[in-house]
Amino acid sequence: MDGEIRTPEIFDQIAAVGDIPVALGGGSLEEDWRLIDRFDAHMQALPPSGHAHRHRFTEKLYIREIWMPELMLCVSKVHKTQHPYAVLEGIVTVFIPGVGRETIRAPHFGITEPGTRRLLFIHERVRWLTFHPTERRDLREIEAEIIEPYHNPLLAVPPPLELPGEVIA
């Protein structure tokens, strides 16, 4: 890599989702959410991405570790709580409606705000950790506590709740 980070055309100006040309981040907050809905609906038809999770717990903390492969494009869930995150490896371009686009290079530390939903493009394999204060150990209960329910109106049914990964007590 020559040091210059190139994002796919999706992040630059115009992207085609189905046969609808759309501008990323060029509209209102609501338009940005609809755009992410379109990407999400399109990606549901693609083969699984190959990302992996590891779940760790301390007395009052849940830590979610995610590895995302190079060239992956994904949409995050809607975060219900403010919480810290760290990118320990890799390079990722992140688009957040109402906030904009940022290319993050590891190491990086940030804070996720409530209501955040991200569109991510992975340039180089990424290792991303999130930290959530909770005394719970059941992943379904934790998911209900930290993720805002959201149904993409472009999907007939919501995708099933997936809690993949290794759990380390």
Protein backbone atom coordinates (compact mmCIF):
# COMPACT_ATOMS: atom_id res chain seq x y z
CA MET A 1 0.00 0.00 0.00
CA ASP A 2 1.37 3.40 -0.95
CA GLY A 3 0.05 5.17 2.16
CA GLU A 4 -2.91 6.72 0.37
CA ILE A 5 -6.26 5.34 1.48
CA ARG A 6 -8.79 4.97 -1.31
CA THR A 7 -12.40 4.43 -0.39
CA PRO A 8 -14.77 2.72 -2.79
CA GLU A 9 -16.94 4.95 -4.94
CA ILE A 10 -19.70 4.33 -2.40
CA PHE A 11 -17.98 6.78 -0.09
CA ASP A 12 -16.85 9.27 -2.66
CA GLN A 13 -19.75 10.66 -4.63
CA ILE A 14 -22.31 8.39 -6.18
CA ALA A 15 -23.20 4.78 -5.46
CA ALA A 16 -25.72 2.56 -7.18
CA VAL A 17 -27.89 0.50 -4.89
CA GLY A 18 -29.96 -1.70 -7.12
CA ASP A 19 -30.63 0.68 -9.97
CA ILE A 20 -31.04 3.78 -7.80
CA PRO A 21 -28.11 6.25 -7.81
CA VAL A 22 -27.62 7.79 -4.38
CA ALA A 23 -25.25 10.34 -2.85
CA LEU A 24 -23.62 9.39 0.44
CA GLY A 25 -23.97 12.03 3.11
CA GLY A 26 -25.33 14.58 0.72
CA GLY A 27 -28.75 14.88 2.26
CA SER A 28 -30.61 15.15 5.49
CA LEU A 29 -30.20 12.83 8.46
CA GLU A 30 -33.33 10.98 7.36
CA GLU A 31 -32.00 10.62 3.80
CA ASP A 32 -28.70 9.24 5.14
CA TRP A 33 -30.60 6.64 7.22
CA ARG A 34 -32.61 5.62 4.13
CA LEU A 35 -29.38 5.26 2.19
CA ILE A 36 -27.95 2.96 4.84
CA ASP A 37 -31.25 1.01 4.76
CA ARG A 38 -30.69 0.49 1.02
CA PHE A 39 -27.14 -0.78 1.55
CA ASP A 40 -28.31 -3.01 4.38
CA ALA A 41 -31.11 -4.52 2.27
CA HIS A 42 -28.72 -5.09 -0.62
CA MET A 43 -26.10 -6.72 1.62
CA GLN A 44 -28.62 -9.15 3.16
CA ALA A 45 -28.67 -10.94 -0.21
CA LEU A 46 -24.88 -11.39 -0.26
CA PRO A 47 -22.93 -14.31 1.24
CA PRO A 48 -21.84 -13.92 4.88
CA SER A 49 -18.88 -11.60 5.39
CA GLY A 50 -16.64 -13.87 7.40
CA HIS A 51 -16.33 -11.53 10.38
CA ALA A 52 -15.71 -13.08 13.80
CA HIS A 53 -16.59 -12.13 17.39
CA ARG A 54 -15.21 -12.85 20.83
CA HIS A 55 -17.19 -12.03 23.97
CA ARG A 56 -15.41 -11.36 27.27
CA PHE A 57 -16.70 -10.46 30.71
CA THR A 58 -15.36 -8.94 33.89
CA GLU A 59 -17.35 -8.35 37.06
CA LYS A 60 -19.24 -5.35 35.63
CA LEU A 61 -18.10 -5.11 32.02
CA TYR A 62 -18.95 -6.79 28.72
CA ILE A 63 -16.30 -6.55 25.98
CA ARG A 64 -17.18 -7.38 22.37
CA GLU A 65 -14.22 -8.01 20.08
CA ILE A 66 -14.89 -8.07 16.34
CA TRP A 67 -12.55 -8.96 13.46
CA MET A 68 -13.64 -7.70 10.04
CA PRO A 69 -11.88 -8.84 6.86
CA GLU A 70 -10.34 -6.60 4.23
CA LEU A 71 -12.78 -5.18 1.65
CA MET A 72 -15.82 -5.91 3.82
CA LEU A 73 -18.72 -3.45 3.66
CA CYS A 74 -21.12 -3.61 6.60
CA VAL A 75 -23.85 -1.77 8.47
CA SER A 76 -23.79 -1.68 12.26
CA LYS A 77 -26.75 -2.06 14.54
CA VAL A 78 -28.20 1.03 16.21
CA HIS A 79 -26.44 1.66 19.51
CA LYS A 80 -28.64 2.41 22.51
CA THR A 81 -25.94 3.55 24.93
CA GLN A 82 -22.88 5.75 25.03
CA HIS A 83 -19.80 3.53 25.27
CA PRO A 84 -16.10 3.50 24.42
CA TYR A 85 -14.61 1.59 21.51
CA ALA A 86 -11.08 0.93 20.33
CA VAL A 87 -9.74 -0.03 16.91
CA LEU A 88 -6.61 -2.07 17.63
CA GLU A 89 -5.71 -3.19 14.09
CA GLY A 90 -6.42 -2.09 10.56
CA ILE A 91 -7.91 0.76 8.59
CA VAL A 92 -11.65 1.44 8.18
CA THR A 93 -13.72 4.23 6.66
CA VAL A 94 -16.82 4.93 8.71
CA PHE A 95 -19.89 6.92 7.70
CA ILE A 96 -22.36 8.02 10.41
CA PRO A 97 -25.55 9.83 9.38
CA GLY A 98 -25.53 13.41 10.62
CA VAL A 99 -21.83 13.18 11.54
CA GLY A 100 -20.06 12.38 8.28
CA ARG A 101 -17.23 10.21 7.07
CA GLU A 102 -13.95 9.43 8.79
CA THR A 103 -11.09 7.10 7.93
CA ILE A 104 -9.73 5.49 11.09
CA ARG A 105 -6.27 3.96 11.37
CA ALA A 106 -5.36 1.78 14.33
CA PRO A 107 -4.64 2.47 17.06
CA HIS A 108 -7.74 4.58 17.65
CA PHE A 109 -10.01 5.22 20.63
CA GLY A 110 -13.47 6.75 20.42
CA ILE A 111 -16.86 7.12 22.04
CA THR A 112 -20.06 5.82 20.44
CA GLU A 113 -23.08 8.03 21.10
CA PRO A 114 -26.64 6.72 21.58
CA GLY A 115 -28.47 6.39 18.28
CA THR A 116 -25.29 5.77 16.27
CA ARG A 117 -25.58 3.58 13.18
CA ARG A 118 -22.52 3.11 11.00
CA LEU A 119 -21.73 2.14 7.43
CA LEU A 120 -18.18 0.74 7.36
CA PHE A 121 -15.73 -0.14 4.61
CA ILE A 122 -12.72 -2.20 5.73
CA HIS A 123 -9.50 -1.28 3.91
CA GLU A 124 -7.25 -3.58 5.95
CA ARG A 125 -8.38 -6.30 8.37
CA VAL A 126 -9.84 -4.56 11.45
CA ARG A 127 -9.93 -5.59 15.09
CA TRP A 128 -12.60 -3.45 16.86
CA LEU A 129 -13.50 -3.66 20.56
CA THR A 130 -16.52 -2.20 22.34
CA PHE A 131 -16.91 -1.88 26.11
CA HIS A 132 -20.30 -1.95 27.86
CA PRO A 133 -20.94 -1.62 31.59
CA THR A 134 -23.29 -4.42 32.62
CA GLU A 135 -23.52 -7.21 35.14
CA ARG A 136 -25.33 -9.46 32.65
CA ARG A 137 -23.70 -12.53 31.09
CA ASP A 138 -26.47 -13.65 28.75
CA LEU A 139 -25.69 -12.32 25.25
CA ARG A 140 -29.37 -11.96 24.30
CA GLU A 141 -30.04 -9.90 27.43
CA ILE A 142 -26.96 -7.77 26.75
CA GLU A 143 -28.04 -7.23 23.15
CA ALA A 144 -31.45 -6.02 24.36
CA GLU A 145 -29.73 -3.68 26.83
CA ILE A 146 -27.23 -2.07 24.41
CA ILE A 147 -28.85 -2.27 20.95
CA GLU A 148 -31.81 -0.13 19.91
CA PRO A 149 -34.47 -2.17 18.12
CA TYR A 150 -34.63 -1.08 14.49
CA HIS A 151 -36.37 -2.72 11.57
CA ASN A 152 -35.17 -1.76 8.13
CA PRO A 153 -38.42 -1.03 6.25
CA LEU A 154 -36.86 -2.41 3.05
CA LEU A 155 -36.57 -5.90 4.54
CA ALA A 156 -39.68 -8.08 4.68
CA VAL A 157 -38.59 -9.52 8.00
CA PRO A 158 -35.76 -8.47 10.28
CA PRO A 159 -32.63 -10.61 10.02
CA PRO A 160 -32.35 -13.14 12.85
CA LEU A 161 -30.45 -12.12 15.97
CA GLU A 162 -26.96 -13.50 15.58
CA LEU A 163 -24.67 -13.89 18.55
CA PRO A 164 -21.73 -15.67 16.97
CA GLY A 165 -18.36 -15.98 18.50
CA GLU A 166 -16.35 -17.37 21.32
CA VAL A 167 -17.53 -16.57 24.83
CA ILE A 168 -14.83 -16.19 27.45
CA ALA A 169 -16.15 -15.99 31.00
